[in-house]
Amino acid sequence: MTILHAIELLGVAVFAVSGALAAGRRSLDLLGVVVIATVTATGGGTLRDLLLDRSPVFWIADTTYLYVSIAAALLTVVYARYRHPPERFILIADALGLALFSISGAQIAENAGYGGIVVVIMGTLTGAAGGMLRDVLCAEIPLILRRGRIYATAAIAGIVLYLLLQTLLDRTTAALVGMAGIAGLRLAAIIWDLTLPVFSLPKSENEET
């Protein structure tokens, strides 16, 4: 098993946990929990592979990802039956999944021969799209679209840091630092309610009346 493969499996597990918790908050049945968890865990990577024309899609090529996702969802259900997860646990799980998937997505784009802005976009898409699909299916405003929230920005910053550090460090170390940067920035935003500046235009006289 390569380091990239291990990172992707861990990312799938963490995102599946966040998806299962989100489904639980909506009181879905067991099938609904597994579906939401799997979509959350595989959605970003699926969109990445389709855009990069990688065939077959990663979870079709290696069904281990599906088994890990389903197992993580079921274990979350069992855990939640005996202990109530903290309210912020879903956000923490999502932050860790964002960090793991963003860097693994960036590395996959690099391995495909792309560089620069394409790597940043593919990494951010891999990390953020699964959570966005989860929120849409659970009838919530996606985290990425919530006013001023630091979400995709954390992924972008961490991926850029990862790319810059490759000039100074080996790729594995740069990836770990990039993940830590993404998770740290996202968790700091959760704990201290950090937000981006909001751009808003003043209302015209016609709108005020």
Protein backbone atom coordinates (compact mmCIF):
# COMPACT_ATOMS: atom_id res chain seq x y z
CA MET A 1 0.00 0.00 0.00
CA THR A 2 1.41 3.39 -1.00
CA ILE A 3 1.29 6.46 1.27
CA LEU A 4 -1.14 8.14 -1.16
CA HIS A 5 -3.44 5.10 -1.06
CA ALA A 6 -3.35 5.06 2.75
CA ILE A 7 -4.16 8.79 2.88
CA GLU A 8 -7.12 8.31 0.54
CA LEU A 9 -8.50 5.41 2.60
CA LEU A 10 -8.20 7.44 5.79
CA GLY A 11 -9.88 10.38 4.08
CA VAL A 12 -12.73 8.12 2.93
CA ALA A 13 -13.21 6.82 6.48
CA VAL A 14 -13.24 10.28 8.05
CA PHE A 15 -15.60 11.75 5.47
CA ALA A 16 -17.88 8.73 5.81
CA VAL A 17 -18.08 9.41 9.55
CA SER A 18 -19.08 13.03 8.90
CA GLY A 19 -21.69 11.87 6.37
CA ALA A 20 -23.13 9.29 8.78
CA LEU A 21 -23.38 11.89 11.55
CA ALA A 22 -25.10 14.34 9.21
CA ALA A 23 -27.58 11.63 8.19
CA GLY A 24 -28.19 10.82 11.84
CA ARG A 25 -29.05 14.43 12.58
CA ARG A 26 -31.72 14.13 9.89
CA SER A 27 -32.99 10.85 11.42
CA LEU A 28 -32.46 8.82 8.24
CA ASP A 29 -32.74 5.03 8.25
CA LEU A 30 -29.70 2.74 8.02
CA LEU A 31 -29.72 2.69 4.21
CA GLY A 32 -29.92 6.48 4.14
CA VAL A 33 -26.97 6.71 6.52
CA VAL A 34 -24.84 4.42 4.33
CA VAL A 35 -25.81 6.29 1.14
CA ILE A 36 -25.02 9.73 2.60
CA ALA A 37 -21.77 8.46 4.09
CA THR A 38 -20.66 6.89 0.79
CA VAL A 39 -21.57 9.94 -1.28
CA THR A 40 -19.68 12.15 1.17
CA ALA A 41 -16.64 9.89 1.08
CA THR A 42 -16.47 9.35 -2.69
CA GLY A 43 -18.16 12.39 -4.22
CA GLY A 44 -15.14 14.68 -4.44
CA GLY A 45 -12.82 12.01 -5.81
CA THR A 46 -15.44 10.95 -8.35
CA LEU A 47 -15.77 14.47 -9.74
CA ARG A 48 -11.98 14.81 -9.82
CA ASP A 49 -11.54 11.58 -11.77
CA LEU A 50 -14.26 12.53 -14.26
CA LEU A 51 -12.66 15.93 -14.89
CA LEU A 52 -9.18 14.42 -15.22
CA ASP A 53 -10.55 11.65 -17.46
CA ARG A 54 -9.24 8.95 -15.13
CA SER A 55 -10.91 5.67 -15.97
CA PRO A 56 -12.24 3.77 -14.17
CA VAL A 57 -13.21 6.05 -11.27
CA PHE A 58 -11.14 5.31 -8.17
CA TRP A 59 -13.80 3.44 -6.18
CA ILE A 60 -14.67 1.26 -9.18
CA ALA A 61 -11.01 0.42 -9.74
CA ASP A 62 -10.55 -0.41 -6.05
CA THR A 63 -13.71 -1.35 -4.16
CA THR A 64 -11.79 -1.16 -0.88
CA TYR A 65 -12.89 2.48 -0.74
CA LEU A 66 -16.54 1.42 -0.68
CA TYR A 67 -15.96 -1.19 2.02
CA VAL A 68 -14.09 1.34 4.17
CA SER A 69 -16.88 3.88 3.69
CA ILE A 70 -19.64 1.42 4.61
CA ALA A 71 -17.69 0.08 7.60
CA ALA A 72 -17.01 3.59 8.90
CA ALA A 73 -20.70 4.49 8.55
CA LEU A 74 -21.88 1.38 10.41
CA LEU A 75 -19.32 1.82 13.19
CA THR A 76 -20.48 5.42 13.58
CA VAL A 77 -24.08 4.25 13.95
CA VAL A 78 -23.05 1.72 16.62
CA TYR A 79 -21.00 4.33 18.49
CA ALA A 80 -23.80 6.89 18.36
CA ARG A 81 -26.27 4.42 19.88
CA TYR A 82 -24.21 4.29 23.08
CA ARG A 83 -22.62 7.72 23.21
CA HIS A 84 -23.94 10.98 21.82
CA PRO A 85 -21.28 12.59 19.59
CA PRO A 86 -20.47 16.22 20.49
CA GLU A 87 -22.26 18.80 18.34
CA ARG A 88 -19.02 19.92 16.74
CA PHE A 89 -17.78 16.40 16.03
CA ILE A 90 -19.19 16.45 12.49
CA LEU A 91 -17.28 19.69 11.79
CA ILE A 92 -14.07 18.24 13.19
CA ALA A 93 -14.44 15.04 11.15
CA ASP A 94 -15.17 17.14 8.08
CA ALA A 95 -12.06 19.27 8.70
CA LEU A 96 -9.84 16.18 8.86
CA GLY A 97 -11.44 14.75 5.73
CA LEU A 98 -10.95 18.06 3.95
CA ALA A 99 -7.25 18.03 4.82
CA LEU A 100 -6.65 14.43 3.79
CA PHE A 101 -8.61 14.55 0.55
CA SER A 102 -7.37 17.95 -0.59
CA ILE A 103 -3.73 16.90 -0.51
CA SER A 104 -4.37 13.44 -1.97
CA GLY A 105 -6.38 15.05 -4.79
CA ALA A 106 -3.56 17.50 -5.43
CA GLN A 107 -1.04 14.65 -5.61
CA ILE A 108 -3.22 12.70 -8.03
CA ALA A 109 -3.39 15.75 -10.31
CA GLU A 110 0.40 16.09 -10.02
CA ASN A 111 0.89 12.42 -10.90
CA ALA A 112 -1.29 12.96 -13.98
CA GLY A 113 1.17 15.60 -15.18
CA TYR A 114 -0.72 18.75 -14.23
CA GLY A 115 0.73 21.61 -12.26
CA GLY A 116 0.01 24.94 -10.68
CA ILE A 117 -3.55 26.11 -10.66
CA VAL A 118 -4.98 22.81 -11.95
CA VAL A 119 -3.45 20.97 -8.99
CA VAL A 120 -4.95 23.52 -6.60
CA ILE A 121 -8.40 23.29 -8.21
CA MET A 122 -8.44 19.48 -8.34
CA GLY A 123 -7.24 19.20 -4.76
CA THR A 124 -9.84 21.67 -3.52
CA LEU A 125 -12.58 19.92 -5.50
CA THR A 126 -11.57 16.54 -4.08
CA GLY A 127 -11.68 17.88 -0.55
CA ALA A 128 -14.78 20.07 -0.71
CA ALA A 129 -17.21 18.44 -3.17
CA GLY A 130 -18.08 15.43 -1.00
CA GLY A 131 -19.12 17.61 1.92
CA MET A 132 -21.08 19.84 -0.42
CA LEU A 133 -23.03 16.86 -1.80
CA ARG A 134 -23.64 15.64 1.76
CA ASP A 135 -25.11 18.99 2.80
CA VAL A 136 -27.29 19.22 -0.32
CA LEU A 137 -28.70 15.72 0.22
CA CYS A 138 -29.36 16.56 3.88
CA ALA A 139 -31.17 19.77 2.86
CA GLU A 140 -28.59 22.09 4.42
CA ILE A 141 -26.68 25.05 3.02
CA PRO A 142 -23.27 23.63 2.00
CA LEU A 143 -20.42 24.69 4.28
CA ILE A 144 -18.54 26.00 1.26
CA LEU A 145 -21.36 28.48 0.55
CA ARG A 146 -22.07 29.68 4.08
CA ARG A 147 -21.41 33.35 4.52
CA GLY A 148 -17.78 34.12 5.26
CA ARG A 149 -16.92 30.56 6.31
CA ILE A 150 -13.31 29.46 5.90
CA TYR A 151 -13.64 26.12 4.13
CA ALA A 152 -12.44 25.93 0.55
CA THR A 153 -10.03 28.74 1.46
CA ALA A 154 -8.36 26.42 3.96
CA ALA A 155 -7.93 23.76 1.27
CA ILE A 156 -6.49 26.26 -1.21
CA ALA A 157 -4.04 27.66 1.36
CA GLY A 158 -2.88 24.17 2.41
CA ILE A 159 -2.38 22.98 -1.17
CA VAL A 160 -0.42 26.11 -2.08
CA LEU A 161 1.72 25.57 1.04
CA TYR A 162 2.28 21.96 -0.01
CA LEU A 163 3.40 23.00 -3.50
CA LEU A 164 5.74 25.69 -2.18
CA LEU A 165 7.31 23.41 0.42
CA GLN A 166 8.28 20.87 -2.23
CA THR A 167 11.14 23.20 -3.16
CA LEU A 168 12.52 22.82 0.39
CA LEU A 169 11.27 19.47 1.68
CA ASP A 170 10.59 16.00 0.33
CA ARG A 171 7.12 15.39 -1.05
CA THR A 172 5.86 13.32 1.87
CA THR A 173 6.87 15.88 4.48
CA ALA A 174 5.42 18.70 2.38
CA ALA A 175 2.14 16.76 2.12
CA LEU A 176 1.95 16.24 5.89
CA VAL A 177 2.61 19.93 6.56
CA GLY A 178 -0.01 20.87 3.96
CA MET A 179 -2.58 18.60 5.62
CA ALA A 180 -1.77 20.05 9.03
CA GLY A 181 -2.18 23.54 7.60
CA ILE A 182 -5.62 22.75 6.13
CA ALA A 183 -6.88 21.00 9.27
CA GLY A 184 -5.42 23.66 11.55
CA LEU A 185 -6.93 26.56 9.64
CA ARG A 186 -10.33 24.89 9.39
CA LEU A 187 -10.37 23.89 13.08
CA ALA A 188 -9.26 27.38 14.10
CA ALA A 189 -12.17 28.78 12.08
CA ILE A 190 -14.55 26.42 13.93
CA ILE A 191 -13.17 27.10 17.42
CA TRP A 192 -12.77 30.86 17.14
CA ASP A 193 -15.51 31.47 14.55
CA LEU A 194 -13.06 32.95 12.06
CA THR A 195 -14.62 34.21 8.84
CA LEU A 196 -13.56 35.84 5.61
CA PRO A 197 -14.49 39.46 4.90
CA VAL A 198 -17.93 39.65 3.30
CA PHE A 199 -18.42 41.70 0.16
CA SER A 200 -21.78 43.45 0.00
CA LEU A 201 -23.06 46.34 -2.06
CA PRO A 202 -25.09 49.10 -0.42
CA LYS A 203 -28.74 49.00 -1.29
CA SER A 204 -29.96 51.41 -3.91
CA GLU A 205 -32.72 53.89 -3.11
CA ASN A 206 -35.20 51.84 -5.13
CA GLU A 207 -34.41 48.67 -3.11
CA GLU A 208 -34.81 50.54 0.19
CA THR A 209 -38.27 51.70 -0.79
